[in-house]
């Protein structure tokens, strides 16, 4: 799994092909999402009260958002922007998009004053680039531009869901942000 995570972070197309075609990698993909969620939670919640409870919420939301983003991406990529070569199922795209989240491990440094937000921003940009490669490989696209379009189109409802979850959680605990 670590080798696959490194390959995904290094934007290795063969890694994405590997996880796309390995149906047994779904558990590994889920574990990647959990690990990245934990890193994100530590980076964002290190100074909050009820740290353990917040971590459980962050992990749960991370898994839910991954599954939703994978579905939205699958739907956009196979229904609106499909090509004759596009052959994929949700599981293939879910595995690819999970491993594409590997750069999110850098979010663990989000709590560092001054540079933390920049590290989080870099990890987000890197993650989106990894998503483009994952989408291109998992949906068997020949065009990177088509994969970019799928990721950008699917990112809009995804980021709206992130904002909604953040608002709901901040309202529930009476603190801004998650």
Protein backbone atom coordinates (compact mmCIF):
# COMPACT_ATOMS: atom_id res chain seq x y z
CA UNK A 1 0.00 0.00 0.00
CA UNK A 2 2.80 2.44 0.86
CA UNK A 3 4.40 1.82 -2.53
CA UNK A 4 1.08 2.63 -4.20
CA UNK A 5 0.67 5.78 -2.11
CA UNK A 6 4.13 6.96 -3.08
CA UNK A 7 3.42 6.14 -6.73
CA UNK A 8 0.14 8.06 -6.56
CA UNK A 9 1.83 11.06 -4.94
CA UNK A 10 4.53 10.97 -7.61
CA UNK A 11 1.72 11.04 -10.21
CA UNK A 12 2.78 7.69 -11.67
CA UNK A 13 0.17 6.63 -14.25
CA UNK A 14 1.04 2.96 -13.76
CA UNK A 15 0.09 3.20 -10.09
CA UNK A 16 -3.34 4.51 -11.02
CA UNK A 17 -3.77 1.75 -13.62
CA UNK A 18 -2.74 -0.78 -10.99
CA UNK A 19 -5.28 0.32 -8.37
CA UNK A 20 -7.97 0.74 -11.01
CA UNK A 21 -7.64 -2.88 -12.07
CA UNK A 22 -7.05 -4.43 -8.64
CA UNK A 23 -10.47 -5.01 -7.09
CA UNK A 24 -8.80 -6.13 -3.88
CA UNK A 25 -7.30 -2.63 -3.49
CA UNK A 26 -10.62 -1.12 -2.37
CA UNK A 27 -9.79 -1.74 1.30
CA UNK A 28 -6.38 -0.12 0.76
CA UNK A 29 -8.11 2.83 -0.91
CA UNK A 30 -10.42 3.23 2.07
CA UNK A 31 -7.42 3.07 4.40
CA UNK A 32 -5.70 5.82 2.39
CA UNK A 33 -8.77 8.01 2.86
CA UNK A 34 -8.78 7.30 6.60
CA UNK A 35 -5.05 8.07 6.94
CA UNK A 36 -5.37 11.31 4.98
CA UNK A 37 -8.44 12.24 7.05
CA UNK A 38 -6.46 11.65 10.24
CA UNK A 39 -3.61 13.82 8.95
CA UNK A 40 -6.10 16.51 7.96
CA UNK A 41 -7.79 16.27 11.33
CA UNK A 42 -4.54 16.64 13.21
CA UNK A 43 -3.58 19.63 11.12
CA UNK A 44 -6.95 21.32 11.52
CA UNK A 45 -7.96 20.26 15.01
CA UNK A 46 -4.73 20.07 16.97
CA UNK A 47 -5.76 22.91 19.24
CA UNK A 48 -9.46 22.06 19.61
CA UNK A 49 -11.33 20.60 22.57
CA UNK A 50 -12.78 17.09 22.27
CA UNK A 51 -9.98 16.09 19.91
CA UNK A 52 -10.88 12.37 19.71
CA UNK A 53 -14.54 13.05 18.98
CA UNK A 54 -13.57 15.62 16.35
CA UNK A 55 -11.18 13.12 14.75
CA UNK A 56 -13.95 10.52 14.47
CA UNK A 57 -16.18 13.10 12.82
CA UNK A 58 -13.40 14.19 10.43
CA UNK A 59 -12.68 10.58 9.45
CA UNK A 60 -16.36 9.85 8.88
CA UNK A 61 -16.82 12.97 6.80
CA UNK A 62 -13.62 12.20 4.87
CA UNK A 63 -14.97 8.79 3.90
CA UNK A 64 -18.39 10.17 2.97
CA UNK A 65 -16.92 13.00 0.89
CA UNK A 66 -14.52 10.63 -0.89
CA UNK A 67 -17.38 8.31 -1.84
CA UNK A 68 -19.53 11.21 -3.01
CA UNK A 69 -16.71 12.85 -5.00
CA UNK A 70 -15.88 9.52 -6.61
CA UNK A 71 -19.55 9.08 -7.56
CA UNK A 72 -19.91 12.61 -8.93
CA UNK A 73 -16.68 12.20 -10.88
CA UNK A 74 -17.83 8.81 -12.16
CA UNK A 75 -21.19 10.24 -13.21
CA UNK A 76 -19.70 13.28 -14.98
CA UNK A 77 -16.95 11.22 -16.59
CA UNK A 78 -19.12 8.36 -17.83
CA UNK A 79 -22.37 10.17 -18.65
CA UNK A 80 -21.46 13.69 -19.79
CA UNK A 81 -17.87 13.50 -20.95
CA UNK A 82 -17.51 9.84 -21.91
CA UNK A 83 -15.55 8.76 -24.95
CA UNK A 84 -15.92 5.49 -26.87
CA UNK A 85 -12.93 4.19 -24.87
CA UNK A 86 -14.48 5.03 -21.49
CA UNK A 87 -15.08 1.82 -19.59
CA UNK A 88 -15.17 2.09 -15.83
CA UNK A 89 -17.23 1.35 -12.78
CA UNK A 90 -17.52 3.32 -9.57
CA UNK A 91 -15.10 1.01 -7.75
CA UNK A 92 -12.33 1.65 -10.25
CA UNK A 93 -12.74 5.40 -9.96
CA UNK A 94 -13.14 5.24 -6.18
CA UNK A 95 -9.83 3.40 -5.82
CA UNK A 96 -8.04 5.83 -8.11
CA UNK A 97 -9.45 8.92 -6.43
CA UNK A 98 -8.65 7.54 -2.98
CA UNK A 99 -4.99 7.08 -3.83
CA UNK A 100 -5.02 10.52 -5.46
CA UNK A 101 -5.72 11.91 -1.98
CA UNK A 102 -2.23 10.90 -0.81
CA UNK A 103 -0.81 14.47 -1.10
CA UNK A 104 -3.39 15.39 1.55
CA UNK A 105 -1.05 13.84 4.10
CA UNK A 106 0.76 17.19 4.08
CA UNK A 107 -2.28 18.73 5.78
CA UNK A 108 -0.94 17.34 9.03
CA UNK A 109 1.24 20.48 9.05
CA UNK A 110 -1.78 22.78 8.77
CA UNK A 111 -1.55 23.85 12.40
CA UNK A 112 1.93 25.39 11.96
CA UNK A 113 1.67 29.17 12.26
CA UNK A 114 2.23 31.20 9.09
CA UNK A 115 3.30 28.35 6.77
CA UNK A 116 0.57 25.85 7.68
CA UNK A 117 -2.10 27.35 5.42
CA UNK A 118 0.36 27.42 2.51
CA UNK A 119 1.20 23.76 3.01
CA UNK A 120 -2.51 22.93 3.01
CA UNK A 121 -2.97 24.93 -0.21
CA UNK A 122 -0.03 23.15 -1.86
CA UNK A 123 -1.45 19.78 -0.84
CA UNK A 124 -4.83 20.73 -2.32
CA UNK A 125 -3.32 21.75 -5.67
CA UNK A 126 -1.21 18.58 -5.71
CA UNK A 127 -4.28 16.50 -4.85
CA UNK A 128 -6.25 18.03 -7.73
CA UNK A 129 -3.42 17.27 -10.15
CA UNK A 130 -3.35 13.69 -8.85
CA UNK A 131 -7.13 13.54 -9.31
CA UNK A 132 -6.75 14.56 -12.95
CA UNK A 133 -4.29 11.73 -13.54
CA UNK A 134 -6.47 9.26 -11.65
CA UNK A 135 -9.52 10.26 -13.70
CA UNK A 136 -7.61 10.12 -16.97
CA UNK A 137 -6.34 6.62 -16.22
CA UNK A 138 -9.44 5.18 -14.58
CA UNK A 139 -11.80 6.46 -17.27
CA UNK A 140 -9.41 5.46 -20.06
CA UNK A 141 -9.28 8.96 -21.50
CA UNK A 142 -6.73 9.83 -24.15
CA UNK A 143 -7.03 13.52 -23.34
CA UNK A 144 -5.79 15.14 -20.16
CA UNK A 145 -8.02 18.13 -20.96
CA UNK A 146 -11.11 15.92 -20.72
CA UNK A 147 -9.90 14.65 -17.33
CA UNK A 148 -9.31 18.24 -16.17
CA UNK A 149 -12.87 19.13 -17.22
CA UNK A 150 -14.29 16.16 -15.30
CA UNK A 151 -12.34 17.04 -12.15
CA UNK A 152 -13.26 20.73 -12.31
CA UNK A 153 -16.94 20.04 -12.97
CA UNK A 154 -17.11 17.45 -10.18
CA UNK A 155 -15.11 19.67 -7.82
CA UNK A 156 -17.89 22.31 -7.78
CA UNK A 157 -20.56 20.18 -6.04
CA UNK A 158 -17.83 18.54 -3.94
CA UNK A 159 -16.58 21.85 -2.54
CA UNK A 160 -20.19 22.89 -1.90
CA UNK A 161 -20.65 19.72 0.18
CA UNK A 162 -17.43 20.44 2.07
CA UNK A 163 -18.71 23.93 2.85
CA UNK A 164 -22.07 22.52 3.95
CA UNK A 165 -20.45 19.95 6.25
CA UNK A 166 -18.17 22.64 7.65
CA UNK A 167 -21.11 24.95 8.31
CA UNK A 168 -23.16 22.19 9.95
CA UNK A 169 -20.28 21.14 12.18
CA UNK A 170 -19.33 24.67 13.14
CA UNK A 171 -22.96 25.37 14.02
CA UNK A 172 -23.18 22.16 16.05
CA UNK A 173 -20.10 22.88 18.14
CA UNK A 174 -20.41 26.66 18.11
CA UNK A 175 -16.99 27.21 16.57
CA UNK A 176 -16.06 28.45 13.09
CA UNK A 177 -14.75 25.84 10.63
CA UNK A 178 -14.30 22.12 11.16
